[in-house]
Each structure stands twice: as C-alpha cells, then as structure tokens.
Amino acid sequence: MNLVDEARSELGDLWIADLYRNKVRSQRTRSLHLDVPERENVPEILHTLLGIELKIGRRRLACPDLATARYLRVFARLGVRDVAVPYDITRISVIADELETAWQKMILLLREKGRETGRDRSALVRKLRAEISDIGPGEVMPVFDRETKQRK
C-alpha cells in the first residue's frame, strides 16, 4: 500500500477532499478563483489596516473575515486554483476548523511514519489537489430556486 492510500485510510473522515465534497459542495456555494501556483504553498494571514488579507507568495487576497481567510488558506496551501466557498458565512468557521484539523493530522501522520520527505508530502498534496479539482468549484453564484412569499 502506498503512502497516499495509507494516509487516506488512516484519516478516514478527515481526508480533506472528502470534507470538501460532503461539507462544502453539498450546500449552496459560490466559486472563487485563487491565483496560486499548483504546488504546495505557504500562505499567511495578515491583519492590516484595510482588513484581513491572505498572502500567497507575492499576491494578496482581501478576505471579508478571519474565518474565510482560514478556509481559503487550506486550499491555497494545497495549490487549488478554483474552490467553492459556502454562501452562508456562519458555516465557514466550522468548516475551516475541520479542514485545518485535517491538514494538521495529515502532517502528523507523515511525521509518525517517518515519511515527511518532500517527495512523499508532494505526492499527498498532488493527490488532494487532483481530487478537489475533480469535485470542482461549482457555480460562480448560487442558484436561488426556493419559493418565497414574493416569488410564487
């Protein structure tokens, strides 16, 4: 069994691509294009006078709040260029917590196995990026097809 399959089986529900599919894409989302290189990145969250920004290399992305910045940091780390963001902002914080926990457990798993080499880590990141890209970011704006008092 190779490292990617082993990590996926040990992480179970905390596999980032599965969290993305089940917790994010199952609800109403909007898509966002992150202009990041398709490799593992080291993004930073900056608190500036203009608000919160996510710095990825030399690029900065303005974020409406800290929860969104934390959420996007996980995908920027993986080098995912197009990602779905939950439309309901109250859910972003919980999902960001789960994604960050999954990332940390994945790194700890690599350390426990003694396989934290660049090759193993990049293979894991590449597999996650491919799975998330296959799931896709969804629509640019969510569809509002619910019946309301005003629209019948």
Protein backbone atom coordinates (compact mmCIF):
# COMPACT_ATOMS: atom_id res chain seq x y z
CA MET A 1 0.00 0.00 0.00
CA ASN A 2 1.48 3.36 -0.99
CA LEU A 3 1.58 6.39 1.29
CA VAL A 4 -1.41 8.17 -0.27
CA ASP A 5 -3.73 5.17 0.14
CA GLU A 6 -2.40 4.54 3.63
CA ALA A 7 -2.96 8.17 4.67
CA ARG A 8 -6.45 8.18 3.20
CA SER A 9 -7.45 5.04 5.09
CA GLU A 10 -5.99 6.24 8.40
CA LEU A 11 -7.51 9.73 8.18
CA GLY A 12 -10.93 8.36 7.24
CA ASP A 13 -13.50 11.17 7.53
CA LEU A 14 -10.72 13.75 7.90
CA TRP A 15 -9.49 13.35 4.31
CA ILE A 16 -9.62 16.94 3.03
CA ALA A 17 -11.20 16.07 -0.33
CA ASP A 18 -13.99 14.14 1.42
CA LEU A 19 -14.63 17.04 3.80
CA TYR A 20 -14.81 19.36 0.78
CA ARG A 21 -17.26 17.08 -1.02
CA ASN A 22 -19.51 16.35 1.97
CA LYS A 23 -19.42 19.59 3.97
CA VAL A 24 -18.89 22.27 1.33
CA ARG A 25 -20.19 21.14 -2.06
CA SER A 26 -23.31 19.60 -0.54
CA GLN A 27 -24.60 23.08 0.34
CA ARG A 28 -25.14 26.34 -1.53
CA THR A 29 -21.76 27.75 -2.58
CA ARG A 30 -20.13 30.31 -4.81
CA SER A 31 -16.89 29.68 -6.64
CA LEU A 32 -13.70 31.63 -6.17
CA HIS A 33 -10.55 31.63 -8.29
CA LEU A 34 -7.33 31.69 -6.26
CA ASP A 35 -4.39 32.83 -8.34
CA VAL A 36 -1.89 30.41 -6.79
CA PRO A 37 0.72 28.12 -8.29
CA GLU A 38 -0.32 24.46 -8.48
CA ARG A 39 2.10 23.26 -5.82
CA GLU A 40 2.32 23.33 -2.04
CA ASN A 41 2.39 26.95 -0.90
CA VAL A 42 2.97 28.71 2.42
CA PRO A 43 0.13 31.23 2.75
CA GLU A 44 -0.03 33.76 5.59
CA ILE A 45 -2.98 35.54 7.15
CA LEU A 46 -2.23 39.25 7.56
CA HIS A 47 -4.15 41.70 9.73
CA THR A 48 -3.76 45.07 8.01
CA LEU A 49 -5.34 48.48 8.39
CA LEU A 50 -7.59 47.63 5.45
CA GLY A 51 -8.79 44.35 6.97
CA ILE A 52 -7.71 40.74 6.70
CA GLU A 53 -5.65 39.53 3.77
CA LEU A 54 -4.35 36.16 2.69
CA LYS A 55 -0.80 36.46 1.36
CA ILE A 56 0.30 33.73 -1.02
CA GLY A 57 3.79 34.37 -2.33
CA ARG A 58 3.72 37.95 -3.61
CA ARG A 59 -0.04 38.04 -4.10
CA ARG A 60 -2.56 39.27 -1.56
CA LEU A 61 -6.22 38.38 -1.45
CA ALA A 62 -8.60 40.53 0.58
CA CYS A 63 -10.89 38.44 2.79
CA PRO A 64 -14.11 39.63 4.42
CA ASP A 65 -13.32 37.94 7.75
CA LEU A 66 -10.85 35.70 9.55
CA ALA A 67 -12.91 32.54 9.05
CA THR A 68 -12.86 32.97 5.26
CA ALA A 69 -9.11 33.60 5.32
CA ARG A 70 -8.56 30.43 7.36
CA TYR A 71 -10.81 28.46 5.00
CA LEU A 72 -9.02 29.69 1.88
CA ARG A 73 -5.58 29.16 3.44
CA VAL A 74 -6.08 25.39 3.42
CA PHE A 75 -6.80 25.37 -0.31
CA ALA A 76 -4.02 27.86 -1.07
CA ARG A 77 -1.62 25.55 0.81
CA LEU A 78 -2.63 22.70 -1.49
CA GLY A 79 -2.36 24.85 -4.63
CA VAL A 80 -6.04 24.52 -5.56
CA ARG A 81 -6.87 27.29 -8.03
CA ASP A 82 -10.68 27.11 -8.11
CA VAL A 83 -12.59 26.45 -4.91
CA ALA A 84 -16.17 26.62 -3.64
CA VAL A 85 -16.89 28.92 -0.68
CA PRO A 86 -20.03 28.35 1.40
CA TYR A 87 -22.57 31.07 0.71
CA ASP A 88 -23.77 31.04 4.33
CA ILE A 89 -20.95 32.79 6.19
CA THR A 90 -21.98 31.30 9.53
CA ARG A 91 -20.83 27.85 8.35
CA ILE A 92 -17.38 28.86 7.12
CA SER A 93 -15.76 28.93 10.57
CA VAL A 94 -16.80 25.38 11.45
CA ILE A 95 -15.65 24.02 8.10
CA ALA A 96 -12.36 25.94 8.37
CA ASP A 97 -11.75 24.32 11.78
CA GLU A 98 -12.33 20.86 10.34
CA LEU A 99 -10.12 21.49 7.31
CA GLU A 100 -7.26 22.87 9.42
CA THR A 101 -7.55 19.91 11.80
CA ALA A 102 -7.43 17.52 8.84
CA TRP A 103 -4.32 19.27 7.48
CA GLN A 104 -2.53 19.07 10.85
CA LYS A 105 -3.43 15.39 11.33
CA MET A 106 -2.15 14.63 7.85
CA ILE A 107 1.20 16.30 8.64
CA LEU A 108 1.39 14.45 11.99
CA LEU A 109 0.68 11.18 10.20
CA LEU A 110 3.59 11.81 7.83
CA ARG A 111 5.88 12.52 10.79
CA GLU A 112 4.77 9.38 12.64
CA LYS A 113 5.50 7.26 9.61
CA GLY A 114 8.90 8.93 9.23
CA ARG A 115 7.99 9.84 5.66
CA GLU A 116 7.99 13.61 5.78
CA THR A 117 10.26 13.84 2.78
CA GLY A 118 9.50 16.33 0.06
CA ARG A 119 8.59 13.60 -2.40
CA ASP A 120 6.04 11.91 -0.11
CA ARG A 121 4.49 15.19 1.00
CA SER A 122 4.20 16.50 -2.56
CA ALA A 123 2.58 13.22 -3.69
CA LEU A 124 -0.04 13.60 -0.96
CA VAL A 125 -0.67 17.26 -1.83
CA ARG A 126 -0.86 16.44 -5.54
CA LYS A 127 -3.46 13.71 -4.90
CA LEU A 128 -5.59 16.03 -2.73
CA ARG A 129 -5.37 18.81 -5.32
CA ALA A 130 -6.47 16.44 -8.08
CA GLU A 131 -9.43 15.12 -6.07
CA ILE A 132 -10.60 18.62 -5.11
CA SER A 133 -10.25 19.79 -8.72
CA ASP A 134 -12.33 16.79 -9.87
CA ILE A 135 -15.10 17.74 -7.42
CA GLY A 136 -14.96 21.28 -8.84
CA PRO A 137 -15.84 24.73 -7.54
CA GLY A 138 -19.45 24.81 -8.69
CA GLU A 139 -21.27 27.88 -9.95
CA VAL A 140 -19.95 31.43 -9.69
CA MET A 141 -23.14 32.43 -7.88
CA PRO A 142 -25.55 30.07 -6.14
CA VAL A 143 -28.95 29.31 -7.57
CA PHE A 144 -31.82 30.77 -5.58
CA ASP A 145 -34.65 28.49 -6.59
CA ARG A 146 -36.61 28.45 -3.37
CA GLU A 147 -40.18 29.63 -3.31
CA THR A 148 -40.77 32.73 -1.20
CA LYS A 149 -43.77 34.88 -0.34
CA GLN A 150 -42.77 37.36 -3.01
CA ARG A 151 -41.93 34.82 -5.72
CA LYS A 152 -44.57 32.16 -6.35
